[in-house]
Amino acid sequence: MPLLSDNLTFGGFRNIADSREIILAIESAIAGGSLSLIQNGEPIAGACGDSGVSRAEDLIPNIESLLDSAGILRDQVDSIAISIGPGSFTGLRIGLSTAIGLSAALDKPRISTPLFNAIASSLDVGRDFTIAIPIGRSDICYQQFDRHGAERTPIVASDLEFVEYIQTTDYNFVACHPNIIGRLRPHLGSSELRLHTLNQCLAEYVGLYAAKDPVRGPLDPIYVQNPRFG
């Protein structure tokens, strides 16, 4: 998980609380995972994985590297925000177990964050929309939201199934993780549908959402799998 710039910025977030807290955000189940540090409601450092495999032995060293890059000590972290999915069983288990361990070791609270809700809170599009993220190497998990904030259940589909969905639905604003943009374009042909690229560092969404809605609830992971493998 190579470190990115330690001054990551991403537009679109609104009404973030003016908090002096430092939040360590972890997303471990998508595209190799990502980490983010949020201070005063703003991202100050981030790191993204470079593969589709999350490895438990890498997560703590990557967290240490991220803290070092930002000049922050472990005991200066005020809370730990963890994505509860959707995601694969293995990836979520790695992140959740790490967050639980750090929370106990540092005596800091955990903030459980549904990933799609965190991303949705950053989008101000004024109409119905869909968010899509990669699951493994060949599937996509997507969720529909309407302009009033109502949401539907996450769905897992193949690339072709997802393309069929977005070509026939009224949810014509589609925000995709960058890892699936290239996979989808060959299937779209001459479609006028525009795919909007999300920030690759999904942990940044998790941390910013936690900064403005620090719900310290139970860790109830949202595991997903394509039904054809069920």
C-alpha atoms as a PDB file:
ATOM      1  CA  MET A   1       0.000   0.000   0.000  1.00  0.00           C
ATOM      2  CA  PRO A   2       2.221   2.863  -1.210  1.00  0.00           C
ATOM      3  CA  LEU A   3       1.690   6.220   0.456  1.00  0.00           C
ATOM      4  CA  LEU A   4      -0.019   8.923  -1.549  1.00  0.00           C
ATOM      5  CA  SER A   5       0.358  12.649  -1.071  1.00  0.00           C
ATOM      6  CA  ASP A   6      -0.030  13.665   2.548  1.00  0.00           C
ATOM      7  CA  ASN A   7      -2.271  16.559   1.484  1.00  0.00           C
ATOM      8  CA  LEU A   8      -5.137  14.735  -0.201  1.00  0.00           C
ATOM      9  CA  THR A   9      -8.182  16.827  -1.015  1.00  0.00           C
ATOM     10  CA  PHE A  10     -11.536  15.936  -2.546  1.00  0.00           C
ATOM     11  CA  GLY A  11     -14.439  18.268  -3.125  1.00  0.00           C
ATOM     12  CA  GLY A  12     -18.112  17.766  -2.495  1.00  0.00           C
ATOM     13  CA  PHE A  13     -18.360  17.336   1.282  1.00  0.00           C
ATOM     14  CA  ARG A  14     -20.750  19.638   3.104  1.00  0.00           C
ATOM     15  CA  ASN A  15     -21.392  20.713   6.704  1.00  0.00           C
ATOM     16  CA  ILE A  16     -18.447  18.848   8.205  1.00  0.00           C
ATOM     17  CA  ALA A  17     -18.263  19.499  11.933  1.00  0.00           C
ATOM     18  CA  ASP A  18     -15.496  21.814  13.104  1.00  0.00           C
ATOM     19  CA  SER A  19     -13.756  19.203  15.213  1.00  0.00           C
ATOM     20  CA  ARG A  20     -10.212  19.131  16.510  1.00  0.00           C
ATOM     21  CA  GLU A  21     -10.283  15.368  16.610  1.00  0.00           C
ATOM     22  CA  ILE A  22      -7.842  13.282  14.615  1.00  0.00           C
ATOM     23  CA  ILE A  23      -9.605  10.336  13.011  1.00  0.00           C
ATOM     24  CA  LEU A  24      -7.835   7.310  11.585  1.00  0.00           C
ATOM     25  CA  ALA A  25     -10.068   5.845   8.870  1.00  0.00           C
ATOM     26  CA  ILE A  26      -9.706   2.280   7.574  1.00  0.00           C
ATOM     27  CA  GLU A  27     -11.284   0.692   4.497  1.00  0.00           C
ATOM     28  CA  SER A  28      -9.872  -2.794   4.009  1.00  0.00           C
ATOM     29  CA  ALA A  29     -12.165  -4.636   1.599  1.00  0.00           C
ATOM     30  CA  ILE A  30     -12.016  -2.786  -1.741  1.00  0.00           C
ATOM     31  CA  ALA A  31      -9.175  -2.728  -4.299  1.00  0.00           C
ATOM     32  CA  GLY A  32      -6.422  -3.499  -1.816  1.00  0.00           C
ATOM     33  CA  GLY A  33      -7.812  -1.204   0.858  1.00  0.00           C
ATOM     34  CA  SER A  34      -7.024   2.365   1.845  1.00  0.00           C
ATOM     35  CA  LEU A  35      -6.273   4.515   4.874  1.00  0.00           C
ATOM     36  CA  SER A  36      -6.900   8.165   5.658  1.00  0.00           C
ATOM     37  CA  LEU A  37      -6.194  10.625   8.441  1.00  0.00           C
ATOM     38  CA  ILE A  38      -8.775  13.333   9.074  1.00  0.00           C
ATOM     39  CA  GLN A  39      -7.983  16.349  11.254  1.00  0.00           C
ATOM     40  CA  ASN A  40     -10.298  19.292  11.871  1.00  0.00           C
ATOM     41  CA  GLY A  41     -12.746  17.761   9.401  1.00  0.00           C
ATOM     42  CA  GLU A  42     -10.184  17.715   6.580  1.00  0.00           C
ATOM     43  CA  PRO A  43      -8.056  14.910   5.078  1.00  0.00           C
ATOM     44  CA  ILE A  44      -4.366  15.376   5.834  1.00  0.00           C
ATOM     45  CA  ALA A  45      -2.866  12.069   4.673  1.00  0.00           C
ATOM     46  CA  GLY A  46      -3.898   8.966   2.783  1.00  0.00           C
ATOM     47  CA  ALA A  47      -2.674   5.695   1.366  1.00  0.00           C
ATOM     48  CA  CYS A  48      -4.201   3.285  -1.145  1.00  0.00           C
ATOM     49  CA  GLY A  49      -3.505  -0.363  -1.854  1.00  0.00           C
ATOM     50  CA  ASP A  50      -2.229  -1.340  -5.284  1.00  0.00           C
ATOM     51  CA  SER A  51      -3.818  -4.766  -5.589  1.00  0.00           C
ATOM     52  CA  GLY A  52      -7.133  -6.530  -5.147  1.00  0.00           C
ATOM     53  CA  VAL A  53      -5.865  -8.478  -2.143  1.00  0.00           C
ATOM     54  CA  SER A  54      -5.966  -7.259   1.442  1.00  0.00           C
ATOM     55  CA  ARG A  55      -3.336  -8.777   3.701  1.00  0.00           C
ATOM     56  CA  ALA A  56      -3.601  -8.701   7.458  1.00  0.00           C
ATOM     57  CA  GLU A  57       0.158  -8.516   7.964  1.00  0.00           C
ATOM     58  CA  ASP A  58       0.382  -5.281   5.947  1.00  0.00           C
ATOM     59  CA  LEU A  59      -2.290  -3.209   7.646  1.00  0.00           C
ATOM     60  CA  ILE A  60      -0.596  -2.234  10.916  1.00  0.00           C
ATOM     61  CA  PRO A  61       2.755  -1.348   9.230  1.00  0.00           C
ATOM     62  CA  ASN A  62       0.846   0.750   6.686  1.00  0.00           C
ATOM     63  CA  ILE A  63      -0.983   2.553   9.472  1.00  0.00           C
ATOM     64  CA  GLU A  64       2.336   3.259  11.192  1.00  0.00           C
ATOM     65  CA  SER A  65       3.778   4.604   7.922  1.00  0.00           C
ATOM     66  CA  LEU A  66       0.767   6.846   7.412  1.00  0.00           C
ATOM     67  CA  LEU A  67       1.013   8.256  10.929  1.00  0.00           C
ATOM     68  CA  ASP A  68       4.747   8.844  10.488  1.00  0.00           C
ATOM     69  CA  SER A  69       4.168  10.651   7.175  1.00  0.00           C
ATOM     70  CA  ALA A  70       1.750  13.023   8.902  1.00  0.00           C
ATOM     71  CA  GLY A  71       3.892  13.483  12.009  1.00  0.00           C
ATOM     72  CA  ILE A  72       1.191  12.057  14.258  1.00  0.00           C
ATOM     73  CA  LEU A  73       1.774   9.704  17.162  1.00  0.00           C
ATOM     74  CA  ARG A  74      -0.525   6.773  17.905  1.00  0.00           C
ATOM     75  CA  ASP A  75      -1.819   8.308  21.128  1.00  0.00           C
ATOM     76  CA  GLN A  76      -2.741  11.508  19.273  1.00  0.00           C
ATOM     77  CA  VAL A  77      -5.414   9.640  17.327  1.00  0.00           C
ATOM     78  CA  ASP A  78      -8.776  10.408  18.949  1.00  0.00           C
ATOM     79  CA  SER A  79     -10.964   7.814  17.209  1.00  0.00           C
ATOM     80  CA  ILE A  80     -10.866   5.052  14.644  1.00  0.00           C
ATOM     81  CA  ALA A  81     -13.399   5.003  11.812  1.00  0.00           C
ATOM     82  CA  ILE A  82     -13.849   1.641  10.146  1.00  0.00           C
ATOM     83  CA  SER A  83     -15.830   0.749   7.044  1.00  0.00           C
ATOM     84  CA  ILE A  84     -18.299  -2.042   7.786  1.00  0.00           C
ATOM     85  CA  GLY A  85     -18.805  -2.718   4.095  1.00  0.00           C
ATOM     86  CA  PRO A  86     -20.099  -3.778   1.781  1.00  0.00           C
ATOM     87  CA  GLY A  87     -17.141  -5.972   0.994  1.00  0.00           C
ATOM     88  CA  SER A  88     -15.758  -9.469   0.980  1.00  0.00           C
ATOM     89  CA  PHE A  89     -15.616 -11.528   4.156  1.00  0.00           C
ATOM     90  CA  THR A  90     -11.810 -11.666   4.259  1.00  0.00           C
ATOM     91  CA  GLY A  91     -11.228  -7.983   3.577  1.00  0.00           C
ATOM     92  CA  LEU A  92     -13.773  -6.781   6.113  1.00  0.00           C
ATOM     93  CA  ARG A  93     -12.541  -9.226   8.746  1.00  0.00           C
ATOM     94  CA  ILE A  94      -9.010  -7.836   8.421  1.00  0.00           C
ATOM     95  CA  GLY A  95     -10.141  -4.244   8.882  1.00  0.00           C
ATOM     96  CA  LEU A  96     -12.600  -4.929  11.673  1.00  0.00           C
ATOM     97  CA  SER A  97     -10.169  -7.022  13.699  1.00  0.00           C
ATOM     98  CA  THR A  98      -7.485  -4.341  13.285  1.00  0.00           C
ATOM     99  CA  ALA A  99      -9.866  -1.571  14.352  1.00  0.00           C
ATOM    100  CA  ILE A 100     -10.979  -3.577  17.388  1.00  0.00           C
ATOM    101  CA  GLY A 101      -7.369  -4.244  18.380  1.00  0.00           C
ATOM    102  CA  LEU A 102      -6.272  -0.622  17.965  1.00  0.00           C
ATOM    103  CA  SER A 103      -9.331   0.642  19.803  1.00  0.00           C
ATOM    104  CA  ALA A 104      -8.528  -1.599  22.772  1.00  0.00           C
ATOM    105  CA  ALA A 105      -4.789  -0.906  22.744  1.00  0.00           C
ATOM    106  CA  LEU A 106      -5.154   2.881  22.479  1.00  0.00           C
ATOM    107  CA  ASP A 107      -8.370   3.106  24.513  1.00  0.00           C
ATOM    108  CA  LYS A 108      -9.998   5.057  21.689  1.00  0.00           C
ATOM    109  CA  PRO A 109     -13.584   4.794  20.417  1.00  0.00           C
ATOM    110  CA  ARG A 110     -14.517   3.102  17.136  1.00  0.00           C
ATOM    111  CA  ILE A 111     -16.863   4.689  14.618  1.00  0.00           C
ATOM    112  CA  SER A 112     -18.592   2.130  12.411  1.00  0.00           C
ATOM    113  CA  THR A 113     -19.328   3.506   8.940  1.00  0.00           C
ATOM    114  CA  PRO A 114     -21.318   1.975   6.049  1.00  0.00           C
ATOM    115  CA  LEU A 115     -19.178   2.700   3.000  1.00  0.00           C
ATOM    116  CA  PHE A 116     -21.969   3.553   0.551  1.00  0.00           C
ATOM    117  CA  ASN A 117     -23.558   5.989   3.009  1.00  0.00           C
ATOM    118  CA  ALA A 118     -20.199   7.681   3.472  1.00  0.00           C
ATOM    119  CA  ILE A 119     -19.726   8.071  -0.289  1.00  0.00           C
ATOM    120  CA  ALA A 120     -23.331   9.185  -0.818  1.00  0.00           C
ATOM    121  CA  SER A 121     -22.925  11.973   1.739  1.00  0.00           C
ATOM    122  CA  SER A 122     -20.190  13.492  -0.444  1.00  0.00           C
ATOM    123  CA  LEU A 123     -22.340  13.653  -3.595  1.00  0.00           C
ATOM    124  CA  ASP A 124     -24.476  16.717  -4.193  1.00  0.00           C
ATOM    125  CA  VAL A 125     -26.022  15.907  -7.557  1.00  0.00           C
ATOM    126  CA  GLY A 126     -29.663  16.926  -7.072  1.00  0.00           C
ATOM    127  CA  ARG A 127     -31.049  13.756  -8.622  1.00  0.00           C
ATOM    128  CA  ASP A 128     -31.167   9.999  -8.204  1.00  0.00           C
ATOM    129  CA  PHE A 129     -27.801   8.288  -8.390  1.00  0.00           C
ATOM    130  CA  THR A 130     -25.949   4.993  -8.183  1.00  0.00           C
ATOM    131  CA  ILE A 131     -22.615   4.231  -6.506  1.00  0.00           C
ATOM    132  CA  ALA A 132     -20.482   1.311  -7.710  1.00  0.00           C
ATOM    133  CA  ILE A 133     -17.353  -0.288  -6.265  1.00  0.00           C
ATOM    134  CA  PRO A 134     -15.314  -3.336  -7.323  1.00  0.00           C
ATOM    135  CA  ILE A 135     -15.745  -6.600  -5.452  1.00  0.00           C
ATOM    136  CA  GLY A 136     -12.843  -8.920  -6.166  1.00  0.00           C
ATOM    137  CA  ARG A 137     -11.436  -8.912  -9.681  1.00  0.00           C
ATOM    138  CA  SER A 138     -14.569  -9.412 -11.747  1.00  0.00           C
ATOM    139  CA  ASP A 139     -17.677  -8.264  -9.850  1.00  0.00           C
ATOM    140  CA  ILE A 140     -19.262  -4.952  -8.967  1.00  0.00           C
ATOM    141  CA  CYS A 141     -21.305  -4.001  -5.938  1.00  0.00           C
ATOM    142  CA  TYR A 142     -23.706  -1.115  -6.447  1.00  0.00           C
ATOM    143  CA  GLN A 143     -26.377   0.697  -4.502  1.00  0.00           C
ATOM    144  CA  GLN A 144     -29.113   3.082  -5.568  1.00  0.00           C
ATOM    145  CA  PHE A 145     -29.952   6.325  -3.769  1.00  0.00           C
ATOM    146  CA  ASP A 146     -32.662   8.810  -4.606  1.00  0.00           C
ATOM    147  CA  ARG A 147     -32.355  12.555  -4.377  1.00  0.00           C
ATOM    148  CA  HIS A 148     -34.085  12.572  -0.982  1.00  0.00           C
ATOM    149  CA  GLY A 149     -31.535  10.230   0.577  1.00  0.00           C
ATOM    150  CA  ALA A 150     -33.532   7.009   0.482  1.00  0.00           C
ATOM    151  CA  GLU A 151     -31.442   3.987  -0.356  1.00  0.00           C
ATOM    152  CA  ARG A 152     -31.859   0.432  -1.558  1.00  0.00           C
ATOM    153  CA  THR A 153     -30.075  -2.815  -0.732  1.00  0.00           C
ATOM    154  CA  PRO A 154     -26.557  -3.286  -2.188  1.00  0.00           C
ATOM    155  CA  ILE A 155     -26.514  -5.571  -5.236  1.00  0.00           C
ATOM    156  CA  VAL A 156     -23.594  -7.599  -6.601  1.00  0.00           C
ATOM    157  CA  ALA A 157     -23.358  -8.176 -10.341  1.00  0.00           C
ATOM    158  CA  SER A 158     -20.943  -8.979 -13.134  1.00  0.00           C
ATOM    159  CA  ASP A 159     -19.634  -6.156 -15.328  1.00  0.00           C
ATOM    160  CA  LEU A 160     -22.151  -6.986 -18.075  1.00  0.00           C
ATOM    161  CA  GLU A 161     -25.048  -7.200 -15.624  1.00  0.00           C
ATOM    162  CA  PHE A 162     -24.134  -3.802 -14.226  1.00  0.00           C
ATOM    163  CA  VAL A 163     -23.893  -2.262 -17.698  1.00  0.00           C
ATOM    164  CA  GLU A 164     -27.363  -3.617 -18.490  1.00  0.00           C
ATOM    165  CA  TYR A 165     -28.642  -2.058 -15.284  1.00  0.00           C
ATOM    166  CA  ILE A 166     -27.213   1.416 -15.899  1.00  0.00           C
ATOM    167  CA  GLN A 167     -28.422   1.438 -19.507  1.00  0.00           C
ATOM    168  CA  THR A 168     -32.012   0.699 -18.501  1.00  0.00           C
ATOM    169  CA  THR A 169     -32.429   2.559 -15.204  1.00  0.00           C
ATOM    170  CA  ASP A 170     -33.504   6.099 -14.434  1.00  0.00           C
ATOM    171  CA  TYR A 171     -30.597   6.391 -12.006  1.00  0.00           C
ATOM    172  CA  ASN A 172     -28.475   8.067 -14.653  1.00  0.00           C
ATOM    173  CA  PHE A 173     -25.789   9.566 -12.423  1.00  0.00           C
ATOM    174  CA  VAL A 174     -23.345   6.733 -11.818  1.00  0.00           C
ATOM    175  CA  ALA A 175     -20.335   7.293  -9.543  1.00  0.00           C
ATOM    176  CA  CYS A 176     -17.733   4.526  -9.912  1.00  0.00           C
ATOM    177  CA  HIS A 177     -14.510   3.570  -8.222  1.00  0.00           C
ATOM    178  CA  PRO A 178     -11.682   4.226 -10.724  1.00  0.00           C
ATOM    179  CA  ASN A 179     -10.722   0.531 -10.839  1.00  0.00           C
ATOM    180  CA  ILE A 180     -13.938  -0.327 -12.677  1.00  0.00           C
ATOM    181  CA  ILE A 181     -14.160   2.627 -15.064  1.00  0.00           C
ATOM    182  CA  GLY A 182     -11.828   0.992 -17.593  1.00  0.00           C
ATOM    183  CA  ARG A 183     -13.595  -2.339 -17.246  1.00  0.00           C
ATOM    184  CA  LEU A 184     -16.975  -0.815 -18.085  1.00  0.00           C
ATOM    185  CA  ARG A 185     -16.199   1.481 -20.991  1.00  0.00           C
ATOM    186  CA  PRO A 186     -15.740  -1.281 -23.621  1.00  0.00           C
ATOM    187  CA  HIS A 187     -19.224  -2.578 -22.767  1.00  0.00           C
ATOM    188  CA  LEU A 188     -20.914   0.820 -23.002  1.00  0.00           C
ATOM    189  CA  GLY A 189     -20.277   1.333 -26.727  1.00  0.00           C
ATOM    190  CA  SER A 190     -21.698   4.622 -27.938  1.00  0.00           C
ATOM    191  CA  SER A 191     -23.835   5.138 -24.839  1.00  0.00           C
ATOM    192  CA  GLU A 192     -24.086   8.770 -23.782  1.00  0.00           C
ATOM    193  CA  LEU A 193     -24.045   7.747 -20.135  1.00  0.00           C
ATOM    194  CA  ARG A 194     -21.270   9.447 -18.220  1.00  0.00           C
ATOM    195  CA  LEU A 195     -19.445   7.579 -15.491  1.00  0.00           C
ATOM    196  CA  HIS A 196     -18.262   9.828 -12.685  1.00  0.00           C
ATOM    197  CA  THR A 197     -15.016   8.790 -11.023  1.00  0.00           C
ATOM    198  CA  LEU A 198     -14.831   8.454  -7.257  1.00  0.00           C
ATOM    199  CA  ASN A 199     -11.763   9.167  -5.176  1.00  0.00           C
ATOM    200  CA  GLN A 200      -9.621   6.019  -5.133  1.00  0.00           C
ATOM    201  CA  CYS A 201      -8.953   6.488  -1.421  1.00  0.00           C
ATOM    202  CA  LEU A 202     -12.294   5.226  -0.115  1.00  0.00           C
ATOM    203  CA  ALA A 203     -11.076   5.555   3.465  1.00  0.00           C
ATOM    204  CA  GLU A 204     -11.220   9.307   2.967  1.00  0.00           C
ATOM    205  CA  TYR A 205     -14.997   9.118   2.545  1.00  0.00           C
ATOM    206  CA  VAL A 206     -15.170   6.930   5.666  1.00  0.00           C
ATOM    207  CA  GLY A 207     -13.184   9.406   7.744  1.00  0.00           C
ATOM    208  CA  LEU A 208     -15.021  12.507   6.564  1.00  0.00           C
ATOM    209  CA  TYR A 209     -18.385  10.877   7.169  1.00  0.00           C
ATOM    210  CA  ALA A 210     -17.275   9.898  10.666  1.00  0.00           C
ATOM    211  CA  ALA A 211     -16.159  13.481  11.315  1.00  0.00           C
ATOM    212  CA  LYS A 212     -19.653  14.814  10.749  1.00  0.00           C
ATOM    213  CA  ASP A 213     -21.643  11.818  12.032  1.00  0.00           C
ATOM    214  CA  PRO A 214     -19.566  10.050  14.714  1.00  0.00           C
ATOM    215  CA  VAL A 215     -21.956   7.193  15.483  1.00  0.00           C
ATOM    216  CA  ARG A 216     -20.174   4.791  17.788  1.00  0.00           C
ATOM    217  CA  GLY A 217     -22.458   1.844  17.197  1.00  0.00           C
ATOM    218  CA  PRO A 218     -21.950  -1.907  16.866  1.00  0.00           C
ATOM    219  CA  LEU A 219     -19.711  -3.384  14.212  1.00  0.00           C
ATOM    220  CA  ASP A 220     -22.170  -5.210  11.950  1.00  0.00           C
ATOM    221  CA  PRO A 221     -20.282  -6.051   8.741  1.00  0.00           C
ATOM    222  CA  ILE A 222     -22.084  -5.968   5.397  1.00  0.00           C
ATOM    223  CA  TYR A 223     -20.707  -9.025   3.601  1.00  0.00           C
ATOM    224  CA  VAL A 224     -21.517  -9.351  -0.101  1.00  0.00           C
ATOM    225  CA  GLN A 225     -20.933 -12.043  -2.690  1.00  0.00           C
ATOM    226  CA  ASN A 226     -22.183 -12.584  -6.206  1.00  0.00           C
ATOM    227  CA  PRO A 227     -25.179 -14.953  -5.911  1.00  0.00           C
ATOM    228  CA  ARG A 228     -23.811 -17.151  -8.687  1.00  0.00           C
ATOM    229  CA  PHE A 229     -21.079 -18.215  -6.247  1.00  0.00           C
ATOM    230  CA  GLY A 230     -23.468 -18.679  -3.315  1.00  0.00           C
END
